[in-house]
Amino acid sequence: MHAEADIVRLAFQDRLTRLDNRLQFQTRLNKWLQESAANGHSGARLLIDLDHFRSINDARTFEVGDQVLCAISERLRQLPVEATLERIGGDEIAFALGSSTRDSSANQT
């Protein structure tokens, strides 16, 4: 039972940061785009590239670099917005931002 769950998780998540991988991100992004078009919502896709990240790995080791990536991923997860995150690879993270249901309900009052 646990092995199946691990296989599914690994198929759709980056092992280090536990962010979506490219396959899961594309699936969620396509679903979100369809829902947004149907509901008239908008959003944005951002790419975050950590400048000079390689110098962290070179000067402080890959282990420290991995810790930095995990810390950044965790902070992005805690943003108070509806978002889908993907680790593209290395030091790049994609961020798809949708209009939140909170914002749309606030406009109705």
PDB file of N, CA and C in Angstrom:
ATOM      1  N   MET A   1       0.822  -1.186   0.000  1.00  0.00           N
ATOM      2  CA  MET A   1       0.000   0.000   0.000  1.00  0.00           C
ATOM      3  C   MET A   1       0.873   1.260   0.000  1.00  0.00           C
ATOM      4  N   HIS A   2       1.864   1.299   0.889  1.00  0.00           N
ATOM      5  CA  HIS A   2       2.748   2.455   0.953  1.00  0.00           C
ATOM      6  C   HIS A   2       3.608   2.563  -0.308  1.00  0.00           C
ATOM      7  N   ALA A   3       3.994   1.440  -0.857  1.00  0.00           N
ATOM      8  CA  ALA A   3       4.827   1.451  -2.059  1.00  0.00           C
ATOM      9  C   ALA A   3       4.077   2.087  -3.222  1.00  0.00           C
ATOM     10  N   GLU A   4       2.796   1.779  -3.373  1.00  0.00           N
ATOM     11  CA  GLU A   4       1.994   2.378  -4.447  1.00  0.00           C
ATOM     12  C   GLU A   4       1.888   3.882  -4.263  1.00  0.00           C
ATOM     13  N   ALA A   5       1.639   4.325  -3.037  1.00  0.00           N
ATOM     14  CA  ALA A   5       1.534   5.761  -2.754  1.00  0.00           C
ATOM     15  C   ALA A   5       2.862   6.452  -3.040  1.00  0.00           C
ATOM     16  N   ASP A   6       3.977   5.811  -2.691  1.00  0.00           N
ATOM     17  CA  ASP A   6       5.292   6.380  -2.970  1.00  0.00           C
ATOM     18  C   ASP A   6       5.543   6.498  -4.460  1.00  0.00           C
ATOM     19  N   ILE A   7       5.145   5.506  -5.217  1.00  0.00           N
ATOM     20  CA  ILE A   7       5.332   5.537  -6.669  1.00  0.00           C
ATOM     21  C   ILE A   7       4.535   6.679  -7.286  1.00  0.00           C
ATOM     22  N   VAL A   8       3.299   6.831  -6.873  1.00  0.00           N
ATOM     23  CA  VAL A   8       2.462   7.915  -7.390  1.00  0.00           C
ATOM     24  C   VAL A   8       3.055   9.267  -7.010  1.00  0.00           C
ATOM     25  N   ARG A   9       3.479   9.406  -5.761  1.00  0.00           N
ATOM     26  CA  ARG A   9       4.063  10.672  -5.301  1.00  0.00           C
ATOM     27  C   ARG A   9       5.311  10.999  -6.111  1.00  0.00           C
ATOM     28  N   LEU A  10       6.175  10.031  -6.302  1.00  0.00           N
ATOM     29  CA  LEU A  10       7.406  10.259  -7.050  1.00  0.00           C
ATOM     30  C   LEU A  10       7.137  10.573  -8.519  1.00  0.00           C
ATOM     31  N   ALA A  11       6.037  10.065  -9.039  1.00  0.00           N
ATOM     32  CA  ALA A  11       5.696  10.330 -10.432  1.00  0.00           C
ATOM     33  C   ALA A  11       5.252  11.774 -10.645  1.00  0.00           C
ATOM     34  N   PHE A  12       4.771  12.422  -9.588  1.00  0.00           N
ATOM     35  CA  PHE A  12       4.201  13.763  -9.735  1.00  0.00           C
ATOM     36  C   PHE A  12       4.873  14.830  -8.884  1.00  0.00           C
ATOM     37  N   GLN A  13       5.875  14.460  -8.090  1.00  0.00           N
ATOM     38  CA  GLN A  13       6.525  15.425  -7.204  1.00  0.00           C
ATOM     39  C   GLN A  13       8.030  15.401  -7.370  1.00  0.00           C
ATOM     40  N   ASP A  14       8.646  16.580  -7.195  1.00  0.00           N
ATOM     41  CA  ASP A  14      10.092  16.670  -7.105  1.00  0.00           C
ATOM     42  C   ASP A  14      10.506  16.059  -5.770  1.00  0.00           C
ATOM     43  N   ARG A  15      11.464  15.153  -5.783  1.00  0.00           N
ATOM     44  CA  ARG A  15      11.846  14.441  -4.562  1.00  0.00           C
ATOM     45  C   ARG A  15      12.424  15.362  -3.503  1.00  0.00           C
ATOM     46  N   LEU A  16      13.178  16.362  -3.903  1.00  0.00           N
ATOM     47  CA  LEU A  16      13.843  17.224  -2.930  1.00  0.00           C
ATOM     48  C   LEU A  16      12.878  18.226  -2.298  1.00  0.00           C
ATOM     49  N   THR A  17      12.216  19.018  -3.121  1.00  0.00           N
ATOM     50  CA  THR A  17      11.403  20.124  -2.618  1.00  0.00           C
ATOM     51  C   THR A  17       9.955  19.736  -2.347  1.00  0.00           C
ATOM     52  N   ARG A  18       9.543  18.593  -2.885  1.00  0.00           N
ATOM     53  CA  ARG A  18       8.158  18.116  -2.807  1.00  0.00           C
ATOM     54  C   ARG A  18       7.187  19.046  -3.542  1.00  0.00           C
ATOM     55  N   LEU A  19       7.720  19.872  -4.428  1.00  0.00           N
ATOM     56  CA  LEU A  19       6.866  20.660  -5.315  1.00  0.00           C
ATOM     57  C   LEU A  19       6.419  19.761  -6.459  1.00  0.00           C
ATOM     58  N   ASP A  20       5.415  20.225  -7.193  1.00  0.00           N
ATOM     59  CA  ASP A  20       4.990  19.478  -8.373  1.00  0.00           C
ATOM     60  C   ASP A  20       6.171  19.327  -9.329  1.00  0.00           C
ATOM     61  N   ASN A  21       6.181  18.228 -10.063  1.00  0.00           N
ATOM     62  CA  ASN A  21       7.136  18.116 -11.154  1.00  0.00           C
ATOM     63  C   ASN A  21       6.449  18.630 -12.422  1.00  0.00           C
ATOM     64  N   ARG A  22       7.151  18.596 -13.513  1.00  0.00           N
ATOM     65  CA  ARG A  22       6.629  19.169 -14.761  1.00  0.00           C
ATOM     66  C   ARG A  22       5.314  18.524 -15.194  1.00  0.00           C
ATOM     67  N   LEU A  23       5.193  17.215 -15.069  1.00  0.00           N
ATOM     68  CA  LEU A  23       3.979  16.504 -15.472  1.00  0.00           C
ATOM     69  C   LEU A  23       2.776  16.947 -14.637  1.00  0.00           C
ATOM     70  N   GLN A  24       2.926  16.966 -13.322  1.00  0.00           N
ATOM     71  CA  GLN A  24       1.832  17.364 -12.447  1.00  0.00           C
ATOM     72  C   GLN A  24       1.487  18.842 -12.645  1.00  0.00           C
ATOM     73  N   PHE A  25       2.513  19.674 -12.799  1.00  0.00           N
ATOM     74  CA  PHE A  25       2.284  21.101 -12.994  1.00  0.00           C
ATOM     75  C   PHE A  25       1.472  21.338 -14.266  1.00  0.00           C
ATOM     76  N   GLN A  26       1.857  20.687 -15.352  1.00  0.00           N
ATOM     77  CA  GLN A  26       1.132  20.857 -16.620  1.00  0.00           C
ATOM     78  C   GLN A  26      -0.312  20.395 -16.491  1.00  0.00           C
ATOM     79  N   THR A  27      -0.526  19.287 -15.796  1.00  0.00           N
ATOM     80  CA  THR A  27      -1.880  18.779 -15.595  1.00  0.00           C
ATOM     81  C   THR A  27      -2.717  19.791 -14.818  1.00  0.00           C
ATOM     82  N   ARG A  28      -2.170  20.289 -13.722  1.00  0.00           N
ATOM     83  CA  ARG A  28      -2.902  21.276 -12.914  1.00  0.00           C
ATOM     84  C   ARG A  28      -3.086  22.591 -13.646  1.00  0.00           C
ATOM     85  N   LEU A  29      -2.057  23.019 -14.380  1.00  0.00           N
ATOM     86  CA  LEU A  29      -2.147  24.281 -15.124  1.00  0.00           C
ATOM     87  C   LEU A  29      -3.231  24.188 -16.198  1.00  0.00           C
ATOM     88  N   ASN A  30      -3.279  23.080 -16.924  1.00  0.00           N
ATOM     89  CA  ASN A  30      -4.312  22.915 -17.950  1.00  0.00           C
ATOM     90  C   ASN A  30      -5.708  22.925 -17.350  1.00  0.00           C
ATOM     91  N   LYS A  31      -5.875  22.237 -16.224  1.00  0.00           N
ATOM     92  CA  LYS A  31      -7.172  22.229 -15.542  1.00  0.00           C
ATOM     93  C   LYS A  31      -7.542  23.639 -15.082  1.00  0.00           C
ATOM     94  N   TRP A  32      -6.579  24.322 -14.495  1.00  0.00           N
ATOM     95  CA  TRP A  32      -6.803  25.682 -14.014  1.00  0.00           C
ATOM     96  C   TRP A  32      -7.159  26.630 -15.170  1.00  0.00           C
ATOM     97  N   LEU A  33      -6.463  26.494 -16.301  1.00  0.00           N
ATOM     98  CA  LEU A  33      -6.756  27.346 -17.457  1.00  0.00           C
ATOM     99  C   LEU A  33      -8.174  27.113 -17.973  1.00  0.00           C
ATOM    100  N   GLN A  34      -8.592  25.853 -18.013  1.00  0.00           N
ATOM    101  CA  GLN A  34      -9.955  25.546 -18.452  1.00  0.00           C
ATOM    102  C   GLN A  34     -10.983  26.142 -17.495  1.00  0.00           C
ATOM    103  N   GLU A  35     -10.768  25.974 -16.198  1.00  0.00           N
ATOM    104  CA  GLU A  35     -11.697  26.525 -15.207  1.00  0.00           C
ATOM    105  C   GLU A  35     -11.703  28.052 -15.252  1.00  0.00           C
ATOM    106  N   SER A  36     -10.543  28.647 -15.422  1.00  0.00           N
ATOM    107  CA  SER A  36     -10.450  30.108 -15.487  1.00  0.00           C
ATOM    108  C   SER A  36     -11.192  30.653 -16.691  1.00  0.00           C
ATOM    109  N   ALA A  37     -11.039  29.990 -17.823  1.00  0.00           N
ATOM    110  CA  ALA A  37     -11.729  30.433 -19.030  1.00  0.00           C
ATOM    111  C   ALA A  37     -13.240  30.318 -18.850  1.00  0.00           C
ATOM    112  N   ALA A  38     -13.674  29.239 -18.228  1.00  0.00           N
ATOM    113  CA  ALA A  38     -15.108  29.027 -18.024  1.00  0.00           C
ATOM    114  C   ALA A  38     -15.692  30.024 -17.021  1.00  0.00           C
ATOM    115  N   ASN A  39     -14.894  30.430 -16.031  1.00  0.00           N
ATOM    116  CA  ASN A  39     -15.381  31.323 -14.982  1.00  0.00           C
ATOM    117  C   ASN A  39     -14.985  32.775 -15.172  1.00  0.00           C
ATOM    118  N   GLY A  40     -14.232  33.070 -16.214  1.00  0.00           N
ATOM    119  CA  GLY A  40     -13.811  34.444 -16.466  1.00  0.00           C
ATOM    120  C   GLY A  40     -12.725  34.941 -15.521  1.00  0.00           C
ATOM    121  N   HIS A  41     -11.984  34.023 -14.900  1.00  0.00           N
ATOM    122  CA  HIS A  41     -10.896  34.424 -14.009  1.00  0.00           C
ATOM    123  C   HIS A  41      -9.611  34.601 -14.807  1.00  0.00           C
ATOM    124  N   SER A  42      -8.658  35.274 -14.193  1.00  0.00           N
ATOM    125  CA  SER A  42      -7.367  35.456 -14.849  1.00  0.00           C
ATOM    126  C   SER A  42      -6.260  35.053 -13.889  1.00  0.00           C
ATOM    127  N   GLY A  43      -5.050  35.066 -14.375  1.00  0.00           N
ATOM    128  CA  GLY A  43      -3.921  34.690 -13.538  1.00  0.00           C
ATOM    129  C   GLY A  43      -2.626  34.966 -14.262  1.00  0.00           C
ATOM    130  N   ALA A  44      -1.549  34.446 -13.721  1.00  0.00           N
ATOM    131  CA  ALA A  44      -0.223  34.669 -14.297  1.00  0.00           C
ATOM    132  C   ALA A  44       0.653  33.455 -14.044  1.00  0.00           C
ATOM    133  N   ARG A  45       1.632  33.280 -14.891  1.00  0.00           N
ATOM    134  CA  ARG A  45       2.649  32.250 -14.686  1.00  0.00           C
ATOM    135  C   ARG A  45       3.978  32.963 -14.569  1.00  0.00           C
ATOM    136  N   LEU A  46       4.656  32.739 -13.477  1.00  0.00           N
ATOM    137  CA  LEU A  46       5.933  33.379 -13.203  1.00  0.00           C
ATOM    138  C   LEU A  46       7.032  32.329 -13.172  1.00  0.00           C
ATOM    139  N   LEU A  47       8.206  32.715 -13.595  1.00  0.00           N
ATOM    140  CA  LEU A  47       9.366  31.841 -13.484  1.00  0.00           C
ATOM    141  C   LEU A  47      10.351  32.497 -12.531  1.00  0.00           C
ATOM    142  N   ILE A  48      10.764  31.752 -11.531  1.00  0.00           N
ATOM    143  CA  ILE A  48      11.715  32.246 -10.547  1.00  0.00           C
ATOM    144  C   ILE A  48      13.034  31.538 -10.799  1.00  0.00           C
ATOM    145  N   ASP A  49      14.075  32.317 -11.048  1.00  0.00           N
ATOM    146  CA  ASP A  49      15.413  31.780 -11.268  1.00  0.00           C
ATOM    147  C   ASP A  49      16.300  32.385 -10.182  1.00  0.00           C
ATOM    148  N   LEU A  50      16.877  31.549  -9.349  1.00  0.00           N
ATOM    149  CA  LEU A  50      17.686  32.019  -8.238  1.00  0.00           C
ATOM    150  C   LEU A  50      19.078  32.405  -8.737  1.00  0.00           C
ATOM    151  N   ASP A  51      19.320  33.706  -8.814  1.00  0.00           N
ATOM    152  CA  ASP A  51      20.610  34.199  -9.298  1.00  0.00           C
ATOM    153  C   ASP A  51      21.752  33.746  -8.393  1.00  0.00           C
ATOM    154  N   HIS A  52      22.841  33.369  -9.007  1.00  0.00           N
ATOM    155  CA  HIS A  52      24.074  32.992  -8.308  1.00  0.00           C
ATOM    156  C   HIS A  52      23.905  31.791  -7.385  1.00  0.00           C
ATOM    157  N   PHE A  53      22.903  30.976  -7.649  1.00  0.00           N
ATOM    158  CA  PHE A  53      22.675  29.808  -6.799  1.00  0.00           C
ATOM    159  C   PHE A  53      23.849  28.834  -6.866  1.00  0.00           C
ATOM    160  N   ARG A  54      24.458  28.750  -8.005  1.00  0.00           N
ATOM    161  CA  ARG A  54      25.580  27.824  -8.159  1.00  0.00           C
ATOM    162  C   ARG A  54      26.707  28.144  -7.184  1.00  0.00           C
ATOM    163  N   SER A  55      26.869  29.415  -6.873  1.00  0.00           N
ATOM    164  CA  SER A  55      27.937  29.793  -5.934  1.00  0.00           C
ATOM    165  C   SER A  55      27.656  29.242  -4.532  1.00  0.00           C
ATOM    166  N   ILE A  56      26.385  29.055  -4.176  1.00  0.00           N
ATOM    167  CA  ILE A  56      26.049  28.437  -2.887  1.00  0.00           C
ATOM    168  C   ILE A  56      26.515  26.985  -2.883  1.00  0.00           C
ATOM    169  N   ASN A  57      26.205  26.273  -3.960  1.00  0.00           N
ATOM    170  CA  ASN A  57      26.640  24.878  -4.060  1.00  0.00           C
ATOM    171  C   ASN A  57      28.159  24.768  -4.070  1.00  0.00           C
ATOM    172  N   ASP A  58      28.821  25.673  -4.798  1.00  0.00           N
ATOM    173  CA  ASP A  58      30.278  25.621  -4.895  1.00  0.00           C
ATOM    174  C   ASP A  58      30.954  25.978  -3.573  1.00  0.00           C
ATOM    175  N   ALA A  59      30.444  26.996  -2.898  1.00  0.00           N
ATOM    176  CA  ALA A  59      31.091  27.470  -1.672  1.00  0.00           C
ATOM    177  C   ALA A  59      30.644  26.714  -0.428  1.00  0.00           C
ATOM    178  N   ARG A  60      29.400  26.251  -0.407  1.00  0.00           N
ATOM    179  CA  ARG A  60      28.836  25.681   0.822  1.00  0.00           C
ATOM    180  C   ARG A  60      28.438  24.218   0.717  1.00  0.00           C
ATOM    181  N   THR A  61      28.570  23.590  -0.388  1.00  0.00           N
ATOM    182  CA  THR A  61      28.217  22.190  -0.676  1.00  0.00           C
ATOM    183  C   THR A  61      26.785  22.074  -1.187  1.00  0.00           C
ATOM    184  N   PHE A  62      26.537  20.971  -1.875  1.00  0.00           N
ATOM    185  CA  PHE A  62      25.211  20.695  -2.429  1.00  0.00           C
ATOM    186  C   PHE A  62      24.175  20.506  -1.330  1.00  0.00           C
ATOM    187  N   GLU A  63      24.585  19.980  -0.199  1.00  0.00           N
ATOM    188  CA  GLU A  63      23.651  19.783   0.908  1.00  0.00           C
ATOM    189  C   GLU A  63      23.065  21.120   1.373  1.00  0.00           C
ATOM    190  N   VAL A  64      23.906  22.122   1.488  1.00  0.00           N
ATOM    191  CA  VAL A  64      23.420  23.450   1.885  1.00  0.00           C
ATOM    192  C   VAL A  64      22.535  24.022   0.778  1.00  0.00           C
ATOM    193  N   GLY A  65      22.936  23.838  -0.462  1.00  0.00           N
ATOM    194  CA  GLY A  65      22.113  24.291  -1.584  1.00  0.00           C
ATOM    195  C   GLY A  65      20.740  23.641  -1.571  1.00  0.00           C
ATOM    196  N   ASP A  66      20.691  22.348  -1.274  1.00  0.00           N
ATOM    197  CA  ASP A  66      19.409  21.640  -1.171  1.00  0.00           C
ATOM    198  C   ASP A  66      18.555  22.213  -0.049  1.00  0.00           C
ATOM    199  N   GLN A  67      19.180  22.547   1.074  1.00  0.00           N
ATOM    200  CA  GLN A  67      18.451  23.138   2.191  1.00  0.00           C
ATOM    201  C   GLN A  67      17.867  24.497   1.805  1.00  0.00           C
ATOM    202  N   VAL A  68      18.622  25.270   1.039  1.00  0.00           N
ATOM    203  CA  VAL A  68      18.138  26.578   0.578  1.00  0.00           C
ATOM    204  C   VAL A  68      16.931  26.383  -0.346  1.00  0.00           C
ATOM    205  N   LEU A  69      17.020  25.454  -1.278  1.00  0.00           N
ATOM    206  CA  LEU A  69      15.896  25.176  -2.178  1.00  0.00           C
ATOM    207  C   LEU A  69      14.654  24.741  -1.413  1.00  0.00           C
ATOM    208  N   CYS A  70      14.839  23.894  -0.415  1.00  0.00           N
ATOM    209  CA  CYS A  70      13.701  23.431   0.389  1.00  0.00           C
ATOM    210  C   CYS A  70      13.092  24.583   1.187  1.00  0.00           C
ATOM    211  N   ALA A  71      13.929  25.457   1.727  1.00  0.00           N
ATOM    212  CA  ALA A  71      13.425  26.601   2.494  1.00  0.00           C
ATOM    213  C   ALA A  71      12.652  27.561   1.599  1.00  0.00           C
ATOM    214  N   ILE A  72      13.158  27.821   0.404  1.00  0.00           N
ATOM    215  CA  ILE A  72      12.464  28.709  -0.536  1.00  0.00           C
ATOM    216  C   ILE A  72      11.139  28.088  -0.958  1.00  0.00           C
ATOM    217  N   SER A  73      11.141  26.801  -1.234  1.00  0.00           N
ATOM    218  CA  SER A  73       9.915  26.105  -1.629  1.00  0.00           C
ATOM    219  C   SER A  73       8.865  26.188  -0.527  1.00  0.00           C
ATOM    220  N   GLU A  74       9.291  25.996   0.701  1.00  0.00           N
ATOM    221  CA  GLU A  74       8.356  26.062   1.824  1.00  0.00           C
ATOM    222  C   GLU A  74       7.779  27.465   1.981  1.00  0.00           C
ATOM    223  N   ARG A  75       8.592  28.474   1.810  1.00  0.00           N
ATOM    224  CA  ARG A  75       8.093  29.860   1.907  1.00  0.00           C
ATOM    225  C   ARG A  75       7.098  30.167   0.801  1.00  0.00           C
ATOM    226  N   LEU A  76       7.367  29.694  -0.392  1.00  0.00           N
ATOM    227  CA  LEU A  76       6.436  29.921  -1.498  1.00  0.00           C
ATOM    228  C   LEU A  76       5.105  29.217  -1.237  1.00  0.00           C
ATOM    229  N   ARG A  77       5.150  28.025  -0.653  1.00  0.00           N
ATOM    230  CA  ARG A  77       3.919  27.301  -0.317  1.00  0.00           C
ATOM    231  C   ARG A  77       3.064  28.067   0.684  1.00  0.00           C
ATOM    232  N   GLN A  78       3.691  28.871   1.521  1.00  0.00           N
ATOM    233  CA  GLN A  78       2.976  29.577   2.580  1.00  0.00           C
ATOM    234  C   GLN A  78       2.404  30.924   2.139  1.00  0.00           C
ATOM    235  N   LEU A  79       2.649  31.324   0.896  1.00  0.00           N
ATOM    236  CA  LEU A  79       2.082  32.586   0.424  1.00  0.00           C
ATOM    237  C   LEU A  79       0.563  32.522   0.479  1.00  0.00           C
ATOM    238  N   PRO A  80      -0.086  33.605   0.883  1.00  0.00           N
ATOM    239  CA  PRO A  80      -1.548  33.584   1.034  1.00  0.00           C
ATOM    240  C   PRO A  80      -2.280  33.798  -0.289  1.00  0.00           C
ATOM    241  N   VAL A  81      -1.898  33.032  -1.292  1.00  0.00           N
ATOM    242  CA  VAL A  81      -2.543  33.120  -2.605  1.00  0.00           C
ATOM    243  C   VAL A  81      -2.780  31.712  -3.127  1.00  0.00           C
ATOM    244  N   GLU A  82      -3.712  31.616  -4.061  1.00  0.00           N
ATOM    245  CA  GLU A  82      -3.961  30.348  -4.742  1.00  0.00           C
ATOM    246  C   GLU A  82      -2.885  30.191  -5.813  1.00  0.00           C
ATOM    247  N   ALA A  83      -2.029  29.198  -5.670  1.00  0.00           N
ATOM    248  CA  ALA A  83      -0.927  29.039  -6.611  1.00  0.00           C
ATOM    249  C   ALA A  83      -0.571  27.576  -6.794  1.00  0.00           C
ATOM    250  N   THR A  84       0.026  27.284  -7.936  1.00  0.00           N
ATOM    251  CA  THR A  84       0.589  25.975  -8.210  1.00  0.00           C
ATOM    252  C   THR A  84       2.071  26.181  -8.436  1.00  0.00           C
ATOM    253  N   LEU A  85       2.894  25.414  -7.761  1.00  0.00           N
ATOM    254  CA  LEU A  85       4.342  25.555  -7.834  1.00  0.00           C
ATOM    255  C   LEU A  85       4.961  24.330  -8.485  1.00  0.00           C
ATOM    256  N   GLU A  86       6.014  24.559  -9.253  1.00  0.00           N
ATOM    257  CA  GLU A  86       6.733  23.462  -9.902  1.00  0.00           C
ATOM    258  C   GLU A  86       8.217  23.749  -9.856  1.00  0.00           C
ATOM    259  N   ARG A  87       8.990  22.762  -9.484  1.00  0.00           N
ATOM    260  CA  ARG A  87      10.435  22.891  -9.628  1.00  0.00           C
ATOM    261  C   ARG A  87      10.781  22.403 -11.020  1.00  0.00           C
ATOM    262  N   ILE A  88      11.200  23.328 -11.854  1.00  0.00           N
ATOM    263  CA  ILE A  88      11.542  23.000 -13.231  1.00  0.00           C
ATOM    264  C   ILE A  88      12.841  22.215 -13.257  1.00  0.00           C
ATOM    265  N   GLY A  89      13.744  22.591 -12.413  1.00  0.00           N
ATOM    266  CA  GLY A  89      15.027  21.926 -12.334  1.00  0.00           C
ATOM    267  C   GLY A  89      16.034  22.874 -11.729  1.00  0.00           C
ATOM    268  N   GLY A  90      17.099  22.333 -11.207  1.00  0.00           N
ATOM    269  CA  GLY A  90      18.153  23.163 -10.646  1.00  0.00           C
ATOM    270  C   GLY A  90      17.618  24.236  -9.729  1.00  0.00           C
ATOM    271  N   ASP A  91      17.775  25.479 -10.158  1.00  0.00           N
ATOM    272  CA  ASP A  91      17.382  26.619  -9.334  1.00  0.00           C
ATOM    273  C   ASP A  91      16.181  27.366  -9.912  1.00  0.00           C
ATOM    274  N   GLU A  92      15.353  26.699 -10.707  1.00  0.00           N
ATOM    275  CA  GLU A  92      14.209  27.347 -11.337  1.00  0.00           C
ATOM    276  C   GLU A  92      12.894  26.779 -10.820  1.00  0.00           C
ATOM    277  N   ILE A  93      11.996  27.695 -10.477  1.00  0.00           N
ATOM    278  CA  ILE A  93      10.677  27.315  -9.978  1.00  0.00           C
ATOM    279  C   ILE A  93       9.634  28.073 -10.785  1.00  0.00           C
ATOM    280  N   ALA A  94       8.625  27.365 -11.270  1.00  0.00           N
ATOM    281  CA  ALA A  94       7.505  28.002 -11.975  1.00  0.00           C
ATOM    282  C   ALA A  94       6.382  28.190 -10.966  1.00  0.00           C
ATOM    283  N   PHE A  95       5.639  29.260 -11.142  1.00  0.00           N
ATOM    284  CA  PHE A  95       4.641  29.684 -10.174  1.00  0.00           C
ATOM    285  C   PHE A  95       3.432  30.129 -10.977  1.00  0.00           C
ATOM    286  N   ALA A  96       2.336  29.386 -10.917  1.00  0.00           N
ATOM    287  CA  ALA A  96       1.104  29.771 -11.606  1.00  0.00           C
ATOM    288  C   ALA A  96       0.148  30.327 -10.564  1.00  0.00           C
ATOM    289  N   LEU A  97      -0.283  31.543 -10.780  1.00  0.00           N
ATOM    290  CA  LEU A  97      -1.111  32.269  -9.830  1.00  0.00           C
ATOM    291  C   LEU A  97      -2.488  32.464 -10.412  1.00  0.00           C
ATOM    292  N   GLY A  98      -3.505  32.087  -9.669  1.00  0.00           N
ATOM    293  CA  GLY A  98      -4.877  32.284 -10.120  1.00  0.00           C
ATOM    294  C   GLY A  98      -5.586  33.307  -9.266  1.00  0.00           C
ATOM    295  N   SER A  99      -6.676  33.847  -9.791  1.00  0.00           N
ATOM    296  CA  SER A  99      -7.464  34.748  -8.965  1.00  0.00           C
ATOM    297  C   SER A  99      -8.129  33.914  -7.886  1.00  0.00           C
ATOM    298  N   SER A 100      -8.035  34.353  -6.668  1.00  0.00           N
ATOM    299  CA  SER A 100      -8.523  33.524  -5.564  1.00  0.00           C
ATOM    300  C   SER A 100     -10.028  33.634  -5.423  1.00  0.00           C
ATOM    301  N   THR A 101     -10.620  32.607  -4.870  1.00  0.00           N
ATOM    302  CA  THR A 101     -12.065  32.623  -4.657  1.00  0.00           C
ATOM    303  C   THR A 101     -12.421  33.681  -3.629  1.00  0.00           C
ATOM    304  N   ARG A 102     -11.502  33.986  -2.733  1.00  0.00           N
ATOM    305  CA  ARG A 102     -11.724  35.031  -1.746  1.00  0.00           C
ATOM    306  C   ARG A 102     -11.938  36.375  -2.444  1.00  0.00           C
ATOM    307  N   ASP A 103     -11.088  36.684  -3.449  1.00  0.00           N
ATOM    308  CA  ASP A 103     -11.191  37.956  -4.160  1.00  0.00           C
ATOM    309  C   ASP A 103     -12.503  38.065  -4.914  1.00  0.00           C
ATOM    310  N   SER A 104     -12.913  36.984  -5.586  1.00  0.00           N
ATOM    311  CA  SER A 104     -14.140  37.051  -6.368  1.00  0.00           C
ATOM    312  C   SER A 104     -15.377  37.178  -5.474  1.00  0.00           C
ATOM    313  N   SER A 105     -15.337  36.538  -4.289  1.00  0.00           N
ATOM    314  CA  SER A 105     -16.493  36.668  -3.400  1.00  0.00           C
ATOM    315  C   SER A 105     -16.530  38.044  -2.749  1.00  0.00           C
ATOM    316  N   ALA A 106     -15.374  38.658  -2.549  1.00  0.00           N
ATOM    317  CA  ALA A 106     -15.339  39.997  -1.947  1.00  0.00           C
ATOM    318  C   ALA A 106     -15.928  41.019  -2.889  1.00  0.00           C
ATOM    319  N   ASN A 107     -15.805  40.794  -4.192  1.00  0.00           N
ATOM    320  CA  ASN A 107     -16.362  41.728  -5.179  1.00  0.00           C
ATOM    321  C   ASN A 107     -17.864  41.624  -5.277  1.00  0.00           C
ATOM    322  N   GLN A 108     -18.445  40.541  -4.773  1.00  0.00           N
ATOM    323  CA  GLN A 108     -19.884  40.349  -4.886  1.00  0.00           C
ATOM    324  C   GLN A 108     -20.663  41.014  -3.772  1.00  0.00           C
ATOM    325  N   THR A 109     -19.995  41.447  -2.709  1.00  0.00           N
ATOM    326  CA  THR A 109     -20.719  42.047  -1.580  1.00  0.00           C
ATOM    327  C   THR A 109     -20.888  43.524  -1.714  1.00  0.00           C
TER     328      THR A 109
END
